[in-house]
Amino acid sequence: MNNRLRELREERGWSQGQLAEQLDVSRQTINALETSKYDPSLPLAFRIAHLFGEPIESIFLPDAD
């Protein structure tokens, strides 16, 4: 799954650590999400969408097959 997490984070001038703190996850989790090494749980995806004020489907995009 691809995502726009890095783009959204950088637009706000947040570090990975700052975003992690706001979402109550580790910085390593944010890094894994941004590099598509980890797909978020549904509750985490909802928290991310709420934080950025965007629908989940505008942040997380299915892989192009």
Protein backbone atom coordinates (compact mmCIF):
# COMPACT_ATOMS: atom_id res chain seq x y z
CA MET A 1 0.00 0.00 0.00
CA ASN A 2 1.31 3.42 -0.94
CA ASN A 3 0.63 6.50 1.12
CA ARG A 4 1.08 10.27 1.26
CA LEU A 5 2.17 10.34 4.90
CA ARG A 6 5.64 11.80 4.29
CA GLU A 7 4.23 14.48 2.00
CA LEU A 8 1.55 15.49 4.52
CA ARG A 9 4.03 15.47 7.41
CA GLU A 10 6.58 17.59 5.54
CA GLU A 11 3.90 20.09 4.46
CA ARG A 12 3.35 20.78 8.16
CA GLY A 13 7.05 20.93 8.97
CA TRP A 14 6.84 18.02 11.41
CA SER A 15 9.64 15.56 12.06
CA GLN A 16 8.91 11.85 12.18
CA GLY A 17 9.30 12.06 15.95
CA GLN A 18 6.77 14.88 16.25
CA LEU A 19 4.22 12.99 14.18
CA ALA A 20 4.85 9.82 16.16
CA GLU A 21 4.25 11.68 19.42
CA GLN A 22 0.93 13.05 18.16
CA LEU A 23 -0.19 9.57 17.10
CA ASP A 24 1.19 7.81 20.19
CA VAL A 25 3.42 5.48 18.16
CA SER A 26 7.20 5.18 17.78
CA ARG A 27 9.27 7.14 15.28
CA GLN A 28 10.23 3.76 13.80
CA THR A 29 6.54 3.09 13.09
CA ILE A 30 6.28 6.37 11.19
CA ASN A 31 9.40 5.51 9.20
CA ALA A 32 8.02 2.05 8.36
CA LEU A 33 4.71 3.57 7.27
CA GLU A 34 6.40 6.20 5.08
CA THR A 35 8.59 3.61 3.37
CA SER A 36 5.62 1.23 2.86
CA LYS A 37 7.25 -1.47 5.00
CA TYR A 38 4.23 -1.50 7.31
CA ASP A 39 0.50 -1.05 6.76
CA PRO A 40 -1.30 0.67 9.64
CA SER A 41 -4.03 -0.94 11.67
CA LEU A 42 -7.48 0.46 10.96
CA PRO A 43 -7.56 2.43 14.26
CA LEU A 44 -4.16 3.98 13.45
CA ALA A 45 -5.27 4.81 9.90
CA PHE A 46 -8.31 6.61 11.34
CA ARG A 47 -6.12 8.55 13.80
CA ILE A 48 -3.80 9.60 10.95
CA ALA A 49 -6.74 10.69 8.78
CA HIS A 50 -8.28 12.65 11.65
CA LEU A 51 -4.98 14.36 12.48
CA PHE A 52 -4.50 15.51 8.87
CA GLY A 53 -8.20 16.25 8.32
CA GLU A 54 -8.38 14.05 5.25
CA PRO A 55 -10.28 10.88 4.35
CA ILE A 56 -8.32 7.66 4.79
CA GLU A 57 -8.56 6.90 1.08
CA SER A 58 -6.83 10.17 0.20
CA ILE A 59 -3.84 9.24 2.39
CA PHE A 60 -3.55 5.48 1.83
CA LEU A 61 -3.61 4.32 -1.79
CA PRO A 62 -3.75 0.73 -3.06
CA ASP A 63 -0.73 -0.55 -4.95
CA ALA A 64 -1.06 -0.19 -8.69
CA ASP A 65 -1.19 -3.65 -10.22
